[in-house]
Amino acid sequence: EAFLLGTRVVVFDRVRNRPEEQLRYGATVAS
């Protein structure tokens, strides 16, 4: 759906996913 409708697809994701990092690091623009 994103690629069908969008002129741009922005991916949000957490670049740090270890349990001890979950609180202190949020999602950012991964792509």
PDB file of all heavy atoms in Angstrom:
ATOM      1  N   GLU A   1       0.836  -1.201   0.000  1.00  0.00           N
ATOM      2  CA  GLU A   1       0.000   0.000   0.000  1.00  0.00           C
ATOM      3  C   GLU A   1       0.874   1.255   0.000  1.00  0.00           C
ATOM      4  O   GLU A   1       0.596   2.226  -0.709  1.00  0.00           O
ATOM      5  CB  GLU A   1      -0.904  -0.026   1.218  1.00  0.00           C
ATOM      6  CG  GLU A   1      -1.828   1.161   1.370  1.00  0.00           C
ATOM      7  CD  GLU A   1      -2.782   0.968   2.538  1.00  0.00           C
ATOM      8  OE1 GLU A   1      -2.361   1.207   3.696  1.00  0.00           O
ATOM      9  OE2 GLU A   1      -3.933   0.571   2.297  1.00  0.00           O
ATOM     10  N   ALA A   2       1.931   1.236   0.795  1.00  0.00           N
ATOM     11  CA  ALA A   2       2.823   2.386   0.895  1.00  0.00           C
ATOM     12  C   ALA A   2       3.449   2.719  -0.457  1.00  0.00           C
ATOM     13  O   ALA A   2       3.470   3.882  -0.879  1.00  0.00           O
ATOM     14  CB  ALA A   2       3.911   2.110   1.935  1.00  0.00           C
ATOM     15  N   PHE A   3       3.963   1.702  -1.147  1.00  0.00           N
ATOM     16  CA  PHE A   3       4.625   1.944  -2.426  1.00  0.00           C
ATOM     17  C   PHE A   3       3.625   2.192  -3.550  1.00  0.00           C
ATOM     18  O   PHE A   3       3.954   2.834  -4.547  1.00  0.00           O
ATOM     19  CB  PHE A   3       5.545   0.780  -2.783  1.00  0.00           C
ATOM     20  CG  PHE A   3       6.857   0.811  -2.045  1.00  0.00           C
ATOM     21  CD1 PHE A   3       7.041   0.060  -0.898  1.00  0.00           C
ATOM     22  CD2 PHE A   3       7.893   1.620  -2.472  1.00  0.00           C
ATOM     23  CE1 PHE A   3       8.238   0.101  -0.200  1.00  0.00           C
ATOM     24  CE2 PHE A   3       9.088   1.679  -1.784  1.00  0.00           C
ATOM     25  CZ  PHE A   3       9.270   0.912  -0.645  1.00  0.00           C
ATOM     26  N   LEU A   4       2.398   1.694  -3.391  1.00  0.00           N
ATOM     27  CA  LEU A   4       1.367   1.918  -4.406  1.00  0.00           C
ATOM     28  C   LEU A   4       0.864   3.352  -4.390  1.00  0.00           C
ATOM     29  O   LEU A   4       0.674   3.974  -5.441  1.00  0.00           O
ATOM     30  CB  LEU A   4       0.200   0.955  -4.167  1.00  0.00           C
ATOM     31  CG  LEU A   4      -0.990   1.072  -5.119  1.00  0.00           C
ATOM     32  CD1 LEU A   4      -0.591   0.637  -6.521  1.00  0.00           C
ATOM     33  CD2 LEU A   4      -2.159   0.225  -4.613  1.00  0.00           C
ATOM     34  N   LEU A   5       0.678   3.907  -3.178  1.00  0.00           N
ATOM     35  CA  LEU A   5       0.074   5.234  -3.057  1.00  0.00           C
ATOM     36  C   LEU A   5       1.088   6.350  -2.866  1.00  0.00           C
ATOM     37  O   LEU A   5       0.855   7.480  -3.305  1.00  0.00           O
ATOM     38  CB  LEU A   5      -0.912   5.243  -1.880  1.00  0.00           C
ATOM     39  CG  LEU A   5      -2.157   4.372  -2.009  1.00  0.00           C
ATOM     40  CD1 LEU A   5      -2.990   4.444  -0.738  1.00  0.00           C
ATOM     41  CD2 LEU A   5      -3.001   4.791  -3.212  1.00  0.00           C
ATOM     42  N   GLY A   6       2.183   6.074  -2.194  1.00  0.00           N
ATOM     43  CA  GLY A   6       3.091   7.138  -1.792  1.00  0.00           C
ATOM     44  C   GLY A   6       4.024   7.626  -2.882  1.00  0.00           C
ATOM     45  O   GLY A   6       4.423   6.862  -3.767  1.00  0.00           O
ATOM     46  N   THR A   7       4.378   8.913  -2.813  1.00  0.00           N
ATOM     47  CA  THR A   7       5.469   9.435  -3.632  1.00  0.00           C
ATOM     48  C   THR A   7       6.788   9.254  -2.885  1.00  0.00           C
ATOM     49  O   THR A   7       7.859   9.346  -3.477  1.00  0.00           O
ATOM     50  CB  THR A   7       5.269  10.933  -3.929  1.00  0.00           C
ATOM     51  OG1 THR A   7       5.134  11.648  -2.702  1.00  0.00           O
ATOM     52  CG2 THR A   7       4.035  11.147  -4.772  1.00  0.00           C
ATOM     53  N   ARG A   8       6.673   9.018  -1.573  1.00  0.00           N
ATOM     54  CA  ARG A   8       7.844   8.741  -0.758  1.00  0.00           C
ATOM     55  C   ARG A   8       7.439   7.808   0.376  1.00  0.00           C
ATOM     56  O   ARG A   8       6.357   7.939   0.945  1.00  0.00           O
ATOM     57  CB  ARG A   8       8.432  10.030  -0.175  1.00  0.00           C
ATOM     58  CG  ARG A   8       9.813   9.836   0.435  1.00  0.00           C
ATOM     59  CD  ARG A   8      10.289  11.085   1.140  1.00  0.00           C
ATOM     60  NE  ARG A   8      10.322  12.255   0.263  1.00  0.00           N
ATOM     61  CZ  ARG A   8      10.563  13.479   0.696  1.00  0.00           C
ATOM     62  NH1 ARG A   8      10.769  13.704   1.990  1.00  0.00           N
ATOM     63  NH2 ARG A   8      10.584  14.499  -0.136  1.00  0.00           N
ATOM     64  N   VAL A   9       8.288   6.843   0.677  1.00  0.00           N
ATOM     65  CA  VAL A   9       8.049   5.906   1.773  1.00  0.00           C
ATOM     66  C   VAL A   9       9.119   6.149   2.831  1.00  0.00           C
ATOM     67  O   VAL A   9      10.313   6.057   2.557  1.00  0.00           O
ATOM     68  CB  VAL A   9       8.090   4.440   1.294  1.00  0.00           C
ATOM     69  CG1 VAL A   9       7.919   3.482   2.476  1.00  0.00           C
ATOM     70  CG2 VAL A   9       6.999   4.187   0.257  1.00  0.00           C
ATOM     71  N   VAL A  10       8.673   6.484   4.037  1.00  0.00           N
ATOM     72  CA  VAL A  10       9.568   6.773   5.154  1.00  0.00           C
ATOM     73  C   VAL A  10       9.439   5.647   6.173  1.00  0.00           C
ATOM     74  O   VAL A  10       8.334   5.338   6.626  1.00  0.00           O
ATOM     75  CB  VAL A  10       9.220   8.128   5.815  1.00  0.00           C
ATOM     76  CG1 VAL A  10      10.101   8.372   7.034  1.00  0.00           C
ATOM     77  CG2 VAL A  10       9.370   9.257   4.800  1.00  0.00           C
ATOM     78  N   VAL A  11      10.564   5.027   6.504  1.00  0.00           N
ATOM     79  CA  VAL A  11      10.579   3.891   7.425  1.00  0.00           C
ATOM     80  C   VAL A  11      11.047   4.349   8.792  1.00  0.00           C
ATOM     81  O   VAL A  11      12.160   4.870   8.934  1.00  0.00           O
ATOM     82  CB  VAL A  11      11.499   2.761   6.904  1.00  0.00           C
ATOM     83  CG1 VAL A  11      11.459   1.571   7.862  1.00  0.00           C
ATOM     84  CG2 VAL A  11      11.087   2.343   5.498  1.00  0.00           C
ATOM     85  N   PHE A  12      10.199   4.170   9.810  1.00  0.00           N
ATOM     86  CA  PHE A  12      10.591   4.410  11.200  1.00  0.00           C
ATOM     87  C   PHE A  12      11.023   3.083  11.809  1.00  0.00           C
ATOM     88  O   PHE A  12      10.351   2.063  11.645  1.00  0.00           O
ATOM     89  CB  PHE A  12       9.406   4.938  12.023  1.00  0.00           C
ATOM     90  CG  PHE A  12       9.108   6.396  11.836  1.00  0.00           C
ATOM     91  CD1 PHE A  12       9.649   7.124  10.790  1.00  0.00           C
ATOM     92  CD2 PHE A  12       8.250   7.059  12.706  1.00  0.00           C
ATOM     93  CE1 PHE A  12       9.369   8.462  10.616  1.00  0.00           C
ATOM     94  CE2 PHE A  12       7.954   8.399  12.543  1.00  0.00           C
ATOM     95  CZ  PHE A  12       8.514   9.102  11.504  1.00  0.00           C
ATOM     96  N   ASP A  13      12.138   3.095  12.522  1.00  0.00           N
ATOM     97  CA  ASP A  13      12.582   1.862  13.183  1.00  0.00           C
ATOM     98  C   ASP A  13      13.570   2.223  14.289  1.00  0.00           C
ATOM     99  O   ASP A  13      14.179   3.297  14.272  1.00  0.00           O
ATOM    100  CB  ASP A  13      13.247   0.916  12.181  1.00  0.00           C
ATOM    101  CG  ASP A  13      13.221  -0.533  12.661  1.00  0.00           C
ATOM    102  OD1 ASP A  13      12.695  -0.798  13.767  1.00  0.00           O
ATOM    103  OD2 ASP A  13      13.736  -1.404  11.934  1.00  0.00           O
ATOM    104  N   ARG A  14      13.695   1.303  15.222  1.00  0.00           N
ATOM    105  CA  ARG A  14      14.685   1.453  16.290  1.00  0.00           C
ATOM    106  C   ARG A  14      16.004   0.856  15.811  1.00  0.00           C
ATOM    107  O   ARG A  14      16.051  -0.318  15.452  1.00  0.00           O
ATOM    108  CB  ARG A  14      14.229   0.738  17.562  1.00  0.00           C
ATOM    109  CG  ARG A  14      13.002   1.363  18.213  1.00  0.00           C
ATOM    110  CD  ARG A  14      12.574   0.548  19.432  1.00  0.00           C
ATOM    111  NE  ARG A  14      11.409   1.125  20.062  1.00  0.00           N
ATOM    112  CZ  ARG A  14      11.444   2.062  21.002  1.00  0.00           C
ATOM    113  NH1 ARG A  14      12.616   2.512  21.434  1.00  0.00           N
ATOM    114  NH2 ARG A  14      10.339   2.547  21.523  1.00  0.00           N
ATOM    115  N   VAL A  15      17.050   1.672  15.816  1.00  0.00           N
ATOM    116  CA  VAL A  15      18.338   1.168  15.363  1.00  0.00           C
ATOM    117  C   VAL A  15      19.041   0.389  16.471  1.00  0.00           C
ATOM    118  O   VAL A  15      19.992  -0.334  16.220  1.00  0.00           O
ATOM    119  CB  VAL A  15      19.235   2.312  14.862  1.00  0.00           C
ATOM    120  CG1 VAL A  15      18.633   2.923  13.607  1.00  0.00           C
ATOM    121  CG2 VAL A  15      19.419   3.380  15.930  1.00  0.00           C
ATOM    122  N   ARG A  16      18.561   0.562  17.704  1.00  0.00           N
ATOM    123  CA  ARG A  16      19.125  -0.184  18.846  1.00  0.00           C
ATOM    124  C   ARG A  16      17.989  -0.954  19.503  1.00  0.00           C
ATOM    125  O   ARG A  16      17.047  -0.357  20.009  1.00  0.00           O
ATOM    126  CB  ARG A  16      19.778   0.766  19.855  1.00  0.00           C
ATOM    127  CG  ARG A  16      20.873   1.651  19.265  1.00  0.00           C
ATOM    128  CD  ARG A  16      21.362   2.636  20.324  1.00  0.00           C
ATOM    129  NE  ARG A  16      22.390   3.528  19.834  1.00  0.00           N
ATOM    130  CZ  ARG A  16      22.135   4.696  19.228  1.00  0.00           C
ATOM    131  NH1 ARG A  16      20.887   5.080  19.057  1.00  0.00           N
ATOM    132  NH2 ARG A  16      23.126   5.469  18.811  1.00  0.00           N
ATOM    133  N   ASN A  17      18.085  -2.258  19.515  1.00  0.00           N
ATOM    134  CA  ASN A  17      16.963  -3.080  19.963  1.00  0.00           C
ATOM    135  C   ASN A  17      17.286  -4.012  21.121  1.00  0.00           C
ATOM    136  O   ASN A  17      16.451  -4.838  21.491  1.00  0.00           O
ATOM    137  CB  ASN A  17      16.407  -3.911  18.794  1.00  0.00           C
ATOM    138  CG  ASN A  17      15.391  -3.118  17.987  1.00  0.00           C
ATOM    139  OD1 ASN A  17      14.501  -2.495  18.556  1.00  0.00           O
ATOM    140  ND2 ASN A  17      15.543  -3.127  16.677  1.00  0.00           N
ATOM    141  N   ARG A  18      18.486  -3.899  21.694  1.00  0.00           N
ATOM    142  CA  ARG A  18      18.779  -4.767  22.836  1.00  0.00           C
ATOM    143  C   ARG A  18      17.893  -4.362  24.010  1.00  0.00           C
ATOM    144  O   ARG A  18      17.547  -3.186  24.153  1.00  0.00           O
ATOM    145  CB  ARG A  18      20.258  -4.663  23.221  1.00  0.00           C
ATOM    146  CG  ARG A  18      21.210  -5.228  22.172  1.00  0.00           C
ATOM    147  CD  ARG A  18      22.564  -5.575  22.805  1.00  0.00           C
ATOM    148  NE  ARG A  18      23.178  -4.416  23.429  1.00  0.00           N
ATOM    149  CZ  ARG A  18      24.068  -3.617  22.818  1.00  0.00           C
ATOM    150  NH1 ARG A  18      24.411  -3.860  21.569  1.00  0.00           N
ATOM    151  NH2 ARG A  18      24.594  -2.591  23.451  1.00  0.00           N
ATOM    152  N   PRO A  19      17.481  -5.312  24.867  1.00  0.00           N
ATOM    153  CA  PRO A  19      16.557  -4.995  25.969  1.00  0.00           C
ATOM    154  C   PRO A  19      17.008  -3.817  26.812  1.00  0.00           C
ATOM    155  O   PRO A  19      16.190  -2.976  27.206  1.00  0.00           O
ATOM    156  CB  PRO A  19      16.531  -6.290  26.778  1.00  0.00           C
ATOM    157  CG  PRO A  19      16.842  -7.362  25.783  1.00  0.00           C
ATOM    158  CD  PRO A  19      17.814  -6.750  24.818  1.00  0.00           C
ATOM    159  N   GLU A  20      18.297  -3.715  27.074  1.00  0.00           N
ATOM    160  CA  GLU A  20      18.774  -2.621  27.926  1.00  0.00           C
ATOM    161  C   GLU A  20      18.743  -1.269  27.206  1.00  0.00           C
ATOM    162  O   GLU A  20      18.943  -0.220  27.825  1.00  0.00           O
ATOM    163  CB  GLU A  20      20.202  -2.918  28.415  1.00  0.00           C
ATOM    164  CG  GLU A  20      21.278  -2.967  27.333  1.00  0.00           C
ATOM    165  CD  GLU A  20      21.442  -4.355  26.724  1.00  0.00           C
ATOM    166  OE1 GLU A  20      20.509  -5.188  26.860  1.00  0.00           O
ATOM    167  OE2 GLU A  20      22.499  -4.599  26.130  1.00  0.00           O
ATOM    168  N   GLU A  21      18.505  -1.284  25.886  1.00  0.00           N
ATOM    169  CA  GLU A  21      18.469  -0.038  25.120  1.00  0.00           C
ATOM    170  C   GLU A  21      17.050   0.440  24.824  1.00  0.00           C
ATOM    171  O   GLU A  21      16.859   1.538  24.301  1.00  0.00           O
ATOM    172  CB  GLU A  21      19.207  -0.224  23.787  1.00  0.00           C
ATOM    173  CG  GLU A  21      20.687  -0.529  23.948  1.00  0.00           C
ATOM    174  CD  GLU A  21      21.342  -0.855  22.616  1.00  0.00           C
ATOM    175  OE1 GLU A  21      20.654  -1.401  21.721  1.00  0.00           O
ATOM    176  OE2 GLU A  21      22.542  -0.571  22.478  1.00  0.00           O
ATOM    177  N   GLN A  22      16.050  -0.386  25.145  1.00  0.00           N
ATOM    178  CA  GLN A  22      14.684  -0.088  24.747  1.00  0.00           C
ATOM    179  C   GLN A  22      14.169   1.236  25.303  1.00  0.00           C
ATOM    180  O   GLN A  22      13.441   1.962  24.633  1.00  0.00           O
ATOM    181  CB  GLN A  22      13.748  -1.220  25.190  1.00  0.00           C
ATOM    182  CG  GLN A  22      13.931  -2.522  24.414  1.00  0.00           C
ATOM    183  CD  GLN A  22      13.527  -2.369  22.953  1.00  0.00           C
ATOM    184  OE1 GLN A  22      12.483  -1.833  22.652  1.00  0.00           O
ATOM    185  NE2 GLN A  22      14.367  -2.821  22.050  1.00  0.00           N
ATOM    186  N   LEU A  23      14.521   1.567  26.546  1.00  0.00           N
ATOM    187  CA  LEU A  23      14.010   2.782  27.149  1.00  0.00           C
ATOM    188  C   LEU A  23      14.699   4.033  26.617  1.00  0.00           C
ATOM    189  O   LEU A  23      14.061   5.047  26.351  1.00  0.00           O
ATOM    190  CB  LEU A  23      14.174   2.737  28.673  1.00  0.00           C
ATOM    191  CG  LEU A  23      13.102   2.000  29.475  1.00  0.00           C
ATOM    192  CD1 LEU A  23      13.471   2.006  30.952  1.00  0.00           C
ATOM    193  CD2 LEU A  23      11.733   2.657  29.292  1.00  0.00           C
ATOM    194  N   ARG A  24      16.018   3.964  26.472  1.00  0.00           N
ATOM    195  CA  ARG A  24      16.802   5.166  26.214  1.00  0.00           C
ATOM    196  C   ARG A  24      16.965   5.507  24.745  1.00  0.00           C
ATOM    197  O   ARG A  24      17.480   6.572  24.410  1.00  0.00           O
ATOM    198  CB  ARG A  24      18.193   5.042  26.866  1.00  0.00           C
ATOM    199  CG  ARG A  24      18.170   5.022  28.382  1.00  0.00           C
ATOM    200  CD  ARG A  24      17.359   6.167  28.975  1.00  0.00           C
ATOM    201  NE  ARG A  24      17.755   7.484  28.479  1.00  0.00           N
ATOM    202  CZ  ARG A  24      16.974   8.542  28.491  1.00  0.00           C
ATOM    203  NH1 ARG A  24      15.735   8.456  28.917  1.00  0.00           N
ATOM    204  NH2 ARG A  24      17.407   9.700  28.041  1.00  0.00           N
ATOM    205  N   TYR A  25      16.576   4.619  23.840  1.00  0.00           N
ATOM    206  CA  TYR A  25      16.725   4.899  22.421  1.00  0.00           C
ATOM    207  C   TYR A  25      15.396   4.669  21.711  1.00  0.00           C
ATOM    208  O   TYR A  25      14.791   3.612  21.834  1.00  0.00           O
ATOM    209  CB  TYR A  25      17.816   4.015  21.797  1.00  0.00           C
ATOM    210  CG  TYR A  25      19.188   4.268  22.375  1.00  0.00           C
ATOM    211  CD1 TYR A  25      19.708   3.441  23.364  1.00  0.00           C
ATOM    212  CD2 TYR A  25      19.947   5.359  21.959  1.00  0.00           C
ATOM    213  CE1 TYR A  25      20.961   3.676  23.910  1.00  0.00           C
ATOM    214  CE2 TYR A  25      21.200   5.605  22.497  1.00  0.00           C
ATOM    215  CZ  TYR A  25      21.700   4.764  23.472  1.00  0.00           C
ATOM    216  OH  TYR A  25      22.940   5.012  24.009  1.00  0.00           O
ATOM    217  N   GLY A  26      14.946   5.683  20.995  1.00  0.00           N
ATOM    218  CA  GLY A  26      13.674   5.591  20.289  1.00  0.00           C
ATOM    219  C   GLY A  26      13.860   5.282  18.816  1.00  0.00           C
ATOM    220  O   GLY A  26      14.968   5.088  18.323  1.00  0.00           O
ATOM    221  N   ALA A  27      12.740   5.264  18.113  1.00  0.00           N
ATOM    222  CA  ALA A  27      12.768   5.036  16.671  1.00  0.00           C
ATOM    223  C   ALA A  27      13.206   6.309  15.958  1.00  0.00           C
ATOM    224  O   ALA A  27      12.980   7.421  16.438  1.00  0.00           O
ATOM    225  CB  ALA A  27      11.403   4.598  16.182  1.00  0.00           C
ATOM    226  N   THR A  28      13.821   6.128  14.812  1.00  0.00           N
ATOM    227  CA  THR A  28      14.237   7.255  13.992  1.00  0.00           C
ATOM    228  C   THR A  28      13.952   6.911  12.528  1.00  0.00           C
ATOM    229  O   THR A  28      13.397   5.857  12.222  1.00  0.00           O
ATOM    230  CB  THR A  28      15.727   7.565  14.218  1.00  0.00           C
ATOM    231  OG1 THR A  28      16.052   8.807  13.587  1.00  0.00           O
ATOM    232  CG2 THR A  28      16.626   6.457  13.684  1.00  0.00           C
ATOM    233  N   VAL A  29      14.313   7.796  11.615  1.00  0.00           N
ATOM    234  CA  VAL A  29      14.104   7.525  10.189  1.00  0.00           C
ATOM    235  C   VAL A  29      15.200   6.584   9.713  1.00  0.00           C
ATOM    236  O   VAL A  29      16.349   6.989   9.550  1.00  0.00           O
ATOM    237  CB  VAL A  29      14.104   8.835   9.371  1.00  0.00           C
ATOM    238  CG1 VAL A  29      13.971   8.517   7.883  1.00  0.00           C
ATOM    239  CG2 VAL A  29      12.973   9.747   9.819  1.00  0.00           C
ATOM    240  N   ALA A  30      14.821   5.323   9.505  1.00  0.00           N
ATOM    241  CA  ALA A  30      15.788   4.322   9.065  1.00  0.00           C
ATOM    242  C   ALA A  30      15.993   4.355   7.552  1.00  0.00           C
ATOM    243  O   ALA A  30      17.082   4.059   7.059  1.00  0.00           O
ATOM    244  CB  ALA A  30      15.333   2.927   9.496  1.00  0.00           C
ATOM    245  N   SER A  31      14.933   4.711   6.810  1.00  0.00           N
ATOM    246  CA  SER A  31      15.022   4.816   5.348  1.00  0.00           C
ATOM    247  C   SER A  31      14.052   5.888   4.875  1.00  0.00           C
ATOM    248  O   SER A  31      12.994   6.091   5.468  1.00  0.00           O
ATOM    249  CB  SER A  31      14.671   3.483   4.661  1.00  0.00           C
ATOM    250  OG  SER A  31      15.586   2.474   5.010  1.00  0.00           O
TER     251      SER A  31
END
